[in-house]
Amino acid sequence: MKVNWTYIKMIMLLGLVVFLFAFASNKNGDRKVSEIAINFIGDNNLFVTHENVSKLLIVNQEGVKNKSKETLALNTLENALNSNPMVKSAEVYVSVNGVLTADIEQKRPIARVSTNASYYIDDEGFYMPLSKNYSARVPLVTGYVEKNNLKNVFTVAQKIEKDSFLRTNVIEIHQSNNNELYLKLRQCSFLVKLGSIHFLDKKINNLKAFYQKNLKEKTLNNYSRVNLQFDNQVVCTKK
């Protein structure tokens, strides 16, 4: 009977590969976490600090250093980080060399509500608490504002953030109790009435044209109110 050595060699090689893989997996699982690395993605404004993240990791795993990789509940750690109201998303993983890494993207505020309560509105239109670590330079929102009904002020804040003229000049968004919207501009004494958010782009274009014209003529301080709520016109009230 002729022995097929090629077939036997293939079986032995396959067995060796399986053994090495199992051995490496077992060793990798037993390897201890040697270090914690925290990476903040995007904006470096630290509403959440490295210390905050470390505390969350320690509380939820009773100290992650020197624990075997197999005993770490990475989903639990991610959920703990994502539960922080300053965190937009978090990913936790362990590298081959035993480094536990947390990649964290923080929420980004675009306006700050200052009424009977103080908090930010983030770039997705949701509530975001203030931070003891950092204060963002964003327009104030005053007047009648509810946490569960931020749509109108968010729409205006979003427009301000994306427009260089508005971003430079608008310092405050005011919402009245009947949901009419107003703007206050830097170094201008007049109040800008937007009314509703309907035809917002057209209203902003009218405001820009009015501002540039009166800036050139040095007459910006002659007005107490600029009304943009009417179609295709700017109605001004003189002092």
C-alpha atoms as a PDB file:
ATOM      1  CA  MET A   1       0.000   0.000   0.000  1.00  0.00           C
ATOM      2  CA  LYS A   2       1.427   3.350  -1.070  1.00  0.00           C
ATOM      3  CA  VAL A   3       1.472   6.030   1.617  1.00  0.00           C
ATOM      4  CA  ASN A   4       0.320   9.462   0.485  1.00  0.00           C
ATOM      5  CA  TRP A   5       2.906  11.577   2.306  1.00  0.00           C
ATOM      6  CA  THR A   6       1.630  14.792   0.779  1.00  0.00           C
ATOM      7  CA  TYR A   7      -1.803  14.201   2.335  1.00  0.00           C
ATOM      8  CA  ILE A   8      -0.269  13.360   5.726  1.00  0.00           C
ATOM      9  CA  LYS A   9       1.913  16.484   5.641  1.00  0.00           C
ATOM     10  CA  MET A  10      -1.105  18.646   4.920  1.00  0.00           C
ATOM     11  CA  ILE A  11      -2.995  17.157   7.880  1.00  0.00           C
ATOM     12  CA  MET A  12      -0.010  17.672  10.188  1.00  0.00           C
ATOM     13  CA  LEU A  13       0.444  21.254   8.999  1.00  0.00           C
ATOM     14  CA  LEU A  14      -3.239  21.992   9.539  1.00  0.00           C
ATOM     15  CA  GLY A  15      -3.053  20.496  13.020  1.00  0.00           C
ATOM     16  CA  LEU A  16      -0.020  22.640  13.838  1.00  0.00           C
ATOM     17  CA  VAL A  17      -1.794  25.802  12.671  1.00  0.00           C
ATOM     18  CA  VAL A  18      -4.860  24.997  14.822  1.00  0.00           C
ATOM     19  CA  PHE A  19      -2.630  24.299  17.833  1.00  0.00           C
ATOM     20  CA  LEU A  20      -0.696  27.552  17.435  1.00  0.00           C
ATOM     21  CA  PHE A  21      -3.884  29.547  16.977  1.00  0.00           C
ATOM     22  CA  ALA A  22      -5.454  28.020  20.104  1.00  0.00           C
ATOM     23  CA  PHE A  23      -2.256  28.588  22.082  1.00  0.00           C
ATOM     24  CA  ALA A  24      -2.001  32.220  20.951  1.00  0.00           C
ATOM     25  CA  SER A  25      -5.685  32.838  21.706  1.00  0.00           C
ATOM     26  CA  ASN A  26      -5.320  31.371  25.180  1.00  0.00           C
ATOM     27  CA  LYS A  27      -2.204  33.446  25.873  1.00  0.00           C
ATOM     28  CA  ASN A  28      -3.881  36.566  24.495  1.00  0.00           C
ATOM     29  CA  GLY A  29      -6.908  36.020  26.713  1.00  0.00           C
ATOM     30  CA  ASP A  30      -4.727  35.558  29.789  1.00  0.00           C
ATOM     31  CA  ARG A  31      -2.696  38.680  29.049  1.00  0.00           C
ATOM     32  CA  LYS A  32      -3.249  41.457  31.581  1.00  0.00           C
ATOM     33  CA  VAL A  33      -4.301  44.991  30.760  1.00  0.00           C
ATOM     34  CA  SER A  34      -1.067  46.930  31.139  1.00  0.00           C
ATOM     35  CA  GLU A  35      -2.171  50.440  30.273  1.00  0.00           C
ATOM     36  CA  ILE A  36      -5.216  52.631  29.626  1.00  0.00           C
ATOM     37  CA  ALA A  37      -5.206  54.982  26.617  1.00  0.00           C
ATOM     38  CA  ILE A  38      -7.931  57.616  26.207  1.00  0.00           C
ATOM     39  CA  ASN A  39      -8.318  59.305  22.824  1.00  0.00           C
ATOM     40  CA  PHE A  40     -10.626  62.262  22.232  1.00  0.00           C
ATOM     41  CA  ILE A  41     -11.806  62.430  18.634  1.00  0.00           C
ATOM     42  CA  GLY A  42     -12.373  65.770  16.922  1.00  0.00           C
ATOM     43  CA  ASP A  43     -12.678  68.949  18.975  1.00  0.00           C
ATOM     44  CA  ASN A  44     -10.187  69.160  21.835  1.00  0.00           C
ATOM     45  CA  ASN A  45     -12.460  71.217  24.097  1.00  0.00           C
ATOM     46  CA  LEU A  46     -12.523  68.896  27.076  1.00  0.00           C
ATOM     47  CA  PHE A  47     -16.035  68.974  28.503  1.00  0.00           C
ATOM     48  CA  VAL A  48     -15.098  65.468  29.636  1.00  0.00           C
ATOM     49  CA  THR A  49     -11.535  65.052  30.921  1.00  0.00           C
ATOM     50  CA  HIS A  50      -9.177  62.085  30.956  1.00  0.00           C
ATOM     51  CA  GLU A  51      -9.837  61.880  34.696  1.00  0.00           C
ATOM     52  CA  ASN A  52     -13.609  61.671  34.166  1.00  0.00           C
ATOM     53  CA  VAL A  53     -13.190  58.796  31.721  1.00  0.00           C
ATOM     54  CA  SER A  54     -10.740  56.926  33.950  1.00  0.00           C
ATOM     55  CA  LYS A  55     -13.155  57.146  36.882  1.00  0.00           C
ATOM     56  CA  LEU A  56     -15.997  55.730  34.785  1.00  0.00           C
ATOM     57  CA  LEU A  57     -13.811  52.840  33.632  1.00  0.00           C
ATOM     58  CA  ILE A  58     -12.631  52.082  37.166  1.00  0.00           C
ATOM     59  CA  VAL A  59     -16.095  52.275  38.741  1.00  0.00           C
ATOM     60  CA  ASN A  60     -17.590  49.947  36.145  1.00  0.00           C
ATOM     61  CA  GLN A  61     -14.778  47.365  36.219  1.00  0.00           C
ATOM     62  CA  GLU A  62     -13.440  47.900  39.749  1.00  0.00           C
ATOM     63  CA  GLY A  63     -10.102  48.863  38.225  1.00  0.00           C
ATOM     64  CA  VAL A  64      -9.247  47.590  34.759  1.00  0.00           C
ATOM     65  CA  LYS A  65      -5.460  47.466  35.051  1.00  0.00           C
ATOM     66  CA  ASN A  66      -3.948  44.015  35.610  1.00  0.00           C
ATOM     67  CA  LYS A  67      -7.230  42.290  34.778  1.00  0.00           C
ATOM     68  CA  SER A  68      -7.130  39.622  32.105  1.00  0.00           C
ATOM     69  CA  LYS A  69      -8.555  40.664  28.767  1.00  0.00           C
ATOM     70  CA  GLU A  70     -11.104  37.857  28.891  1.00  0.00           C
ATOM     71  CA  THR A  71     -12.692  39.170  32.097  1.00  0.00           C
ATOM     72  CA  LEU A  72     -13.286  42.678  30.722  1.00  0.00           C
ATOM     73  CA  ALA A  73     -16.855  43.433  29.669  1.00  0.00           C
ATOM     74  CA  LEU A  74     -16.123  45.888  26.886  1.00  0.00           C
ATOM     75  CA  ASN A  75     -19.806  46.501  26.136  1.00  0.00           C
ATOM     76  CA  THR A  76     -20.385  47.435  29.775  1.00  0.00           C
ATOM     77  CA  LEU A  77     -17.515  49.919  29.625  1.00  0.00           C
ATOM     78  CA  GLU A  78     -18.819  51.427  26.386  1.00  0.00           C
ATOM     79  CA  ASN A  79     -22.330  51.748  27.820  1.00  0.00           C
ATOM     80  CA  ALA A  80     -20.936  53.458  30.916  1.00  0.00           C
ATOM     81  CA  LEU A  81     -19.100  56.013  28.796  1.00  0.00           C
ATOM     82  CA  ASN A  82     -22.056  56.563  26.466  1.00  0.00           C
ATOM     83  CA  SER A  83     -24.275  57.222  29.479  1.00  0.00           C
ATOM     84  CA  ASN A  84     -22.301  60.391  30.177  1.00  0.00           C
ATOM     85  CA  PRO A  85     -24.430  63.301  28.837  1.00  0.00           C
ATOM     86  CA  MET A  86     -21.291  64.980  27.445  1.00  0.00           C
ATOM     87  CA  VAL A  87     -20.344  61.970  25.294  1.00  0.00           C
ATOM     88  CA  LYS A  88     -21.664  61.573  21.763  1.00  0.00           C
ATOM     89  CA  SER A  89     -20.129  58.144  21.149  1.00  0.00           C
ATOM     90  CA  ALA A  90     -17.538  55.856  22.734  1.00  0.00           C
ATOM     91  CA  GLU A  91     -15.672  52.758  21.563  1.00  0.00           C
ATOM     92  CA  VAL A  92     -13.604  50.593  23.916  1.00  0.00           C
ATOM     93  CA  TYR A  93     -11.195  47.863  22.795  1.00  0.00           C
ATOM     94  CA  VAL A  94      -8.056  46.032  23.924  1.00  0.00           C
ATOM     95  CA  SER A  95      -4.974  45.769  21.692  1.00  0.00           C
ATOM     96  CA  VAL A  96      -2.766  42.701  21.349  1.00  0.00           C
ATOM     97  CA  ASN A  97      -0.156  44.221  23.672  1.00  0.00           C
ATOM     98  CA  GLY A  98      -2.708  44.707  26.456  1.00  0.00           C
ATOM     99  CA  VAL A  99      -3.541  48.408  26.080  1.00  0.00           C
ATOM    100  CA  LEU A 100      -7.162  49.224  26.878  1.00  0.00           C
ATOM    101  CA  THR A 101      -8.166  52.074  24.559  1.00  0.00           C
ATOM    102  CA  ALA A 102     -11.237  54.297  24.787  1.00  0.00           C
ATOM    103  CA  ASP A 103     -11.998  56.420  21.708  1.00  0.00           C
ATOM    104  CA  ILE A 104     -14.426  59.158  22.703  1.00  0.00           C
ATOM    105  CA  GLU A 105     -16.268  61.751  20.631  1.00  0.00           C
ATOM    106  CA  GLN A 106     -17.757  64.508  22.740  1.00  0.00           C
ATOM    107  CA  LYS A 107     -20.978  66.342  22.040  1.00  0.00           C
ATOM    108  CA  ARG A 108     -20.558  69.748  20.405  1.00  0.00           C
ATOM    109  CA  PRO A 109     -22.653  72.684  21.682  1.00  0.00           C
ATOM    110  CA  ILE A 110     -23.937  75.352  19.279  1.00  0.00           C
ATOM    111  CA  ALA A 111     -26.018  77.464  21.704  1.00  0.00           C
ATOM    112  CA  ARG A 112     -26.361  77.990  25.446  1.00  0.00           C
ATOM    113  CA  VAL A 113     -29.785  78.327  27.050  1.00  0.00           C
ATOM    114  CA  SER A 114     -29.824  80.877  29.859  1.00  0.00           C
ATOM    115  CA  THR A 115     -33.307  81.036  31.382  1.00  0.00           C
ATOM    116  CA  ASN A 116     -34.486  79.581  34.689  1.00  0.00           C
ATOM    117  CA  ALA A 117     -32.289  76.620  33.675  1.00  0.00           C
ATOM    118  CA  SER A 118     -28.865  76.697  32.040  1.00  0.00           C
ATOM    119  CA  TYR A 119     -27.662  74.122  29.517  1.00  0.00           C
ATOM    120  CA  TYR A 120     -26.320  73.752  25.997  1.00  0.00           C
ATOM    121  CA  ILE A 121     -28.086  72.705  22.814  1.00  0.00           C
ATOM    122  CA  ASP A 122     -25.807  70.305  20.933  1.00  0.00           C
ATOM    123  CA  ASP A 123     -25.278  70.066  17.173  1.00  0.00           C
ATOM    124  CA  GLU A 124     -28.052  67.468  16.884  1.00  0.00           C
ATOM    125  CA  GLY A 125     -30.619  69.638  18.661  1.00  0.00           C
ATOM    126  CA  PHE A 126     -30.574  67.872  22.022  1.00  0.00           C
ATOM    127  CA  TYR A 127     -30.041  68.911  25.619  1.00  0.00           C
ATOM    128  CA  MET A 128     -26.437  68.962  26.832  1.00  0.00           C
ATOM    129  CA  PRO A 129     -25.505  69.947  30.409  1.00  0.00           C
ATOM    130  CA  LEU A 130     -22.944  72.610  31.216  1.00  0.00           C
ATOM    131  CA  SER A 131     -19.431  71.487  32.083  1.00  0.00           C
ATOM    132  CA  LYS A 132     -17.244  72.553  35.001  1.00  0.00           C
ATOM    133  CA  ASN A 133     -14.201  71.999  32.811  1.00  0.00           C
ATOM    134  CA  TYR A 134     -14.912  74.221  29.824  1.00  0.00           C
ATOM    135  CA  SER A 135     -17.330  76.936  28.662  1.00  0.00           C
ATOM    136  CA  ALA A 136     -18.127  77.124  24.957  1.00  0.00           C
ATOM    137  CA  ARG A 137     -18.363  80.495  23.234  1.00  0.00           C
ATOM    138  CA  VAL A 138     -21.760  80.127  21.569  1.00  0.00           C
ATOM    139  CA  PRO A 139     -24.849  82.379  21.280  1.00  0.00           C
ATOM    140  CA  LEU A 140     -27.092  82.680  24.325  1.00  0.00           C
ATOM    141  CA  VAL A 141     -30.720  81.573  24.119  1.00  0.00           C
ATOM    142  CA  THR A 142     -33.117  83.522  26.333  1.00  0.00           C
ATOM    143  CA  GLY A 143     -36.844  83.897  26.861  1.00  0.00           C
ATOM    144  CA  TYR A 144     -39.377  81.085  26.858  1.00  0.00           C
ATOM    145  CA  VAL A 145     -37.526  77.824  26.108  1.00  0.00           C
ATOM    146  CA  GLU A 146     -38.466  74.218  26.944  1.00  0.00           C
ATOM    147  CA  LYS A 147     -36.002  71.313  26.940  1.00  0.00           C
ATOM    148  CA  ASN A 148     -38.446  69.082  25.082  1.00  0.00           C
ATOM    149  CA  ASN A 149     -39.215  71.685  22.423  1.00  0.00           C
ATOM    150  CA  LEU A 150     -35.929  73.074  21.081  1.00  0.00           C
ATOM    151  CA  LYS A 151     -36.692  72.785  17.375  1.00  0.00           C
ATOM    152  CA  ASN A 152     -37.082  76.487  16.518  1.00  0.00           C
ATOM    153  CA  VAL A 153     -34.111  77.829  18.480  1.00  0.00           C
ATOM    154  CA  PHE A 154     -32.012  74.891  17.258  1.00  0.00           C
ATOM    155  CA  THR A 155     -32.851  75.735  13.632  1.00  0.00           C
ATOM    156  CA  VAL A 156     -31.706  79.328  14.153  1.00  0.00           C
ATOM    157  CA  ALA A 157     -28.600  78.282  16.142  1.00  0.00           C
ATOM    158  CA  GLN A 158     -27.668  75.833  13.387  1.00  0.00           C
ATOM    159  CA  LYS A 159     -28.029  78.589  10.796  1.00  0.00           C
ATOM    160  CA  ILE A 160     -25.821  80.901  12.873  1.00  0.00           C
ATOM    161  CA  GLU A 161     -23.111  78.263  13.233  1.00  0.00           C
ATOM    162  CA  LYS A 162     -22.921  77.642   9.481  1.00  0.00           C
ATOM    163  CA  ASP A 163     -22.965  81.298   8.399  1.00  0.00           C
ATOM    164  CA  SER A 164     -19.804  83.384   8.932  1.00  0.00           C
ATOM    165  CA  PHE A 165     -21.695  86.712   9.129  1.00  0.00           C
ATOM    166  CA  LEU A 166     -24.130  85.420  11.735  1.00  0.00           C
ATOM    167  CA  ARG A 167     -21.421  83.576  13.658  1.00  0.00           C
ATOM    168  CA  THR A 168     -19.463  86.824  13.974  1.00  0.00           C
ATOM    169  CA  ASN A 169     -22.354  89.127  14.814  1.00  0.00           C
ATOM    170  CA  VAL A 170     -25.167  87.263  16.593  1.00  0.00           C
ATOM    171  CA  ILE A 171     -24.739  87.041  20.368  1.00  0.00           C
ATOM    172  CA  GLU A 172     -28.254  86.093  21.455  1.00  0.00           C
ATOM    173  CA  ILE A 173     -31.392  84.278  20.284  1.00  0.00           C
ATOM    174  CA  HIS A 174     -34.564  85.253  22.130  1.00  0.00           C
ATOM    175  CA  GLN A 175     -37.827  83.303  21.952  1.00  0.00           C
ATOM    176  CA  SER A 176     -41.025  84.901  23.240  1.00  0.00           C
ATOM    177  CA  ASN A 177     -43.837  82.977  24.924  1.00  0.00           C
ATOM    178  CA  ASN A 178     -45.723  82.902  21.601  1.00  0.00           C
ATOM    179  CA  ASN A 179     -42.645  81.391  19.855  1.00  0.00           C
ATOM    180  CA  GLU A 180     -41.595  84.534  18.002  1.00  0.00           C
ATOM    181  CA  LEU A 181     -37.841  84.671  17.492  1.00  0.00           C
ATOM    182  CA  TYR A 182     -35.492  87.637  17.872  1.00  0.00           C
ATOM    183  CA  LEU A 183     -31.756  88.188  17.420  1.00  0.00           C
ATOM    184  CA  LYS A 184     -29.358  90.514  19.193  1.00  0.00           C
ATOM    185  CA  LEU A 185     -26.237  91.558  17.324  1.00  0.00           C
ATOM    186  CA  ARG A 186     -22.824  92.439  18.666  1.00  0.00           C
ATOM    187  CA  GLN A 187     -22.286  96.205  19.061  1.00  0.00           C
ATOM    188  CA  CYS A 188     -25.780  97.001  17.756  1.00  0.00           C
ATOM    189  CA  SER A 189     -28.537  98.435  19.934  1.00  0.00           C
ATOM    190  CA  PHE A 190     -31.455  97.362  17.742  1.00  0.00           C
ATOM    191  CA  LEU A 191     -33.405  94.129  18.108  1.00  0.00           C
ATOM    192  CA  VAL A 192     -33.923  91.932  15.038  1.00  0.00           C
ATOM    193  CA  LYS A 193     -37.334  90.302  14.769  1.00  0.00           C
ATOM    194  CA  LEU A 194     -37.337  87.065  12.756  1.00  0.00           C
ATOM    195  CA  GLY A 195     -40.837  85.992  13.702  1.00  0.00           C
ATOM    196  CA  SER A 196     -41.062  82.327  12.703  1.00  0.00           C
ATOM    197  CA  ILE A 197     -38.399  80.129  11.108  1.00  0.00           C
ATOM    198  CA  HIS A 198     -40.288  80.137   7.781  1.00  0.00           C
ATOM    199  CA  PHE A 199     -38.245  81.599   4.883  1.00  0.00           C
ATOM    200  CA  LEU A 200     -35.290  81.869   7.252  1.00  0.00           C
ATOM    201  CA  ASP A 201     -32.672  82.049   4.473  1.00  0.00           C
ATOM    202  CA  LYS A 202     -34.489  84.941   2.794  1.00  0.00           C
ATOM    203  CA  LYS A 203     -34.797  86.789   6.104  1.00  0.00           C
ATOM    204  CA  ILE A 204     -31.098  86.373   6.814  1.00  0.00           C
ATOM    205  CA  ASN A 205     -30.196  87.645   3.352  1.00  0.00           C
ATOM    206  CA  ASN A 206     -32.377  90.712   3.957  1.00  0.00           C
ATOM    207  CA  LEU A 207     -30.634  91.277   7.295  1.00  0.00           C
ATOM    208  CA  LYS A 208     -27.201  91.064   5.676  1.00  0.00           C
ATOM    209  CA  ALA A 209     -28.185  93.572   2.981  1.00  0.00           C
ATOM    210  CA  PHE A 210     -29.618  95.964   5.594  1.00  0.00           C
ATOM    211  CA  TYR A 211     -26.559  95.625   7.817  1.00  0.00           C
ATOM    212  CA  GLN A 212     -23.994  96.196   5.073  1.00  0.00           C
ATOM    213  CA  LYS A 213     -25.865  99.218   3.695  1.00  0.00           C
ATOM    214  CA  ASN A 214     -26.242 100.917   7.078  1.00  0.00           C
ATOM    215  CA  LEU A 215     -22.734  99.992   8.166  1.00  0.00           C
ATOM    216  CA  LYS A 216     -21.405 101.796   5.132  1.00  0.00           C
ATOM    217  CA  GLU A 217     -23.640 104.807   5.844  1.00  0.00           C
ATOM    218  CA  LYS A 218     -22.837 104.642   9.594  1.00  0.00           C
ATOM    219  CA  THR A 219     -26.529 104.596  10.497  1.00  0.00           C
ATOM    220  CA  LEU A 220     -26.818 101.249  12.316  1.00  0.00           C
ATOM    221  CA  ASN A 221     -27.352 102.969  15.651  1.00  0.00           C
ATOM    222  CA  ASN A 222     -30.291 104.990  14.339  1.00  0.00           C
ATOM    223  CA  TYR A 223     -32.710 102.067  14.836  1.00  0.00           C
ATOM    224  CA  SER A 224     -34.306 100.360  17.814  1.00  0.00           C
ATOM    225  CA  ARG A 225     -35.895  97.473  15.923  1.00  0.00           C
ATOM    226  CA  VAL A 226     -35.453  95.709  12.577  1.00  0.00           C
ATOM    227  CA  ASN A 227     -38.403  93.561  11.525  1.00  0.00           C
ATOM    228  CA  LEU A 228     -37.736  90.762   9.005  1.00  0.00           C
ATOM    229  CA  GLN A 229     -40.973  88.825   9.313  1.00  0.00           C
ATOM    230  CA  PHE A 230     -42.611  90.410   6.266  1.00  0.00           C
ATOM    231  CA  ASP A 231     -41.914  89.013   2.808  1.00  0.00           C
ATOM    232  CA  ASN A 232     -39.217  90.735   0.737  1.00  0.00           C
ATOM    233  CA  GLN A 233     -38.861  93.781   2.985  1.00  0.00           C
ATOM    234  CA  VAL A 234     -37.140  95.060   6.070  1.00  0.00           C
ATOM    235  CA  VAL A 235     -39.280  97.250   8.329  1.00  0.00           C
ATOM    236  CA  CYS A 236     -37.191  99.443  10.620  1.00  0.00           C
ATOM    237  CA  THR A 237     -38.182 101.435  13.686  1.00  0.00           C
ATOM    238  CA  LYS A 238     -36.071 104.492  14.373  1.00  0.00           C
ATOM    239  CA  LYS A 239     -35.085 105.531  17.869  1.00  0.00           C
END
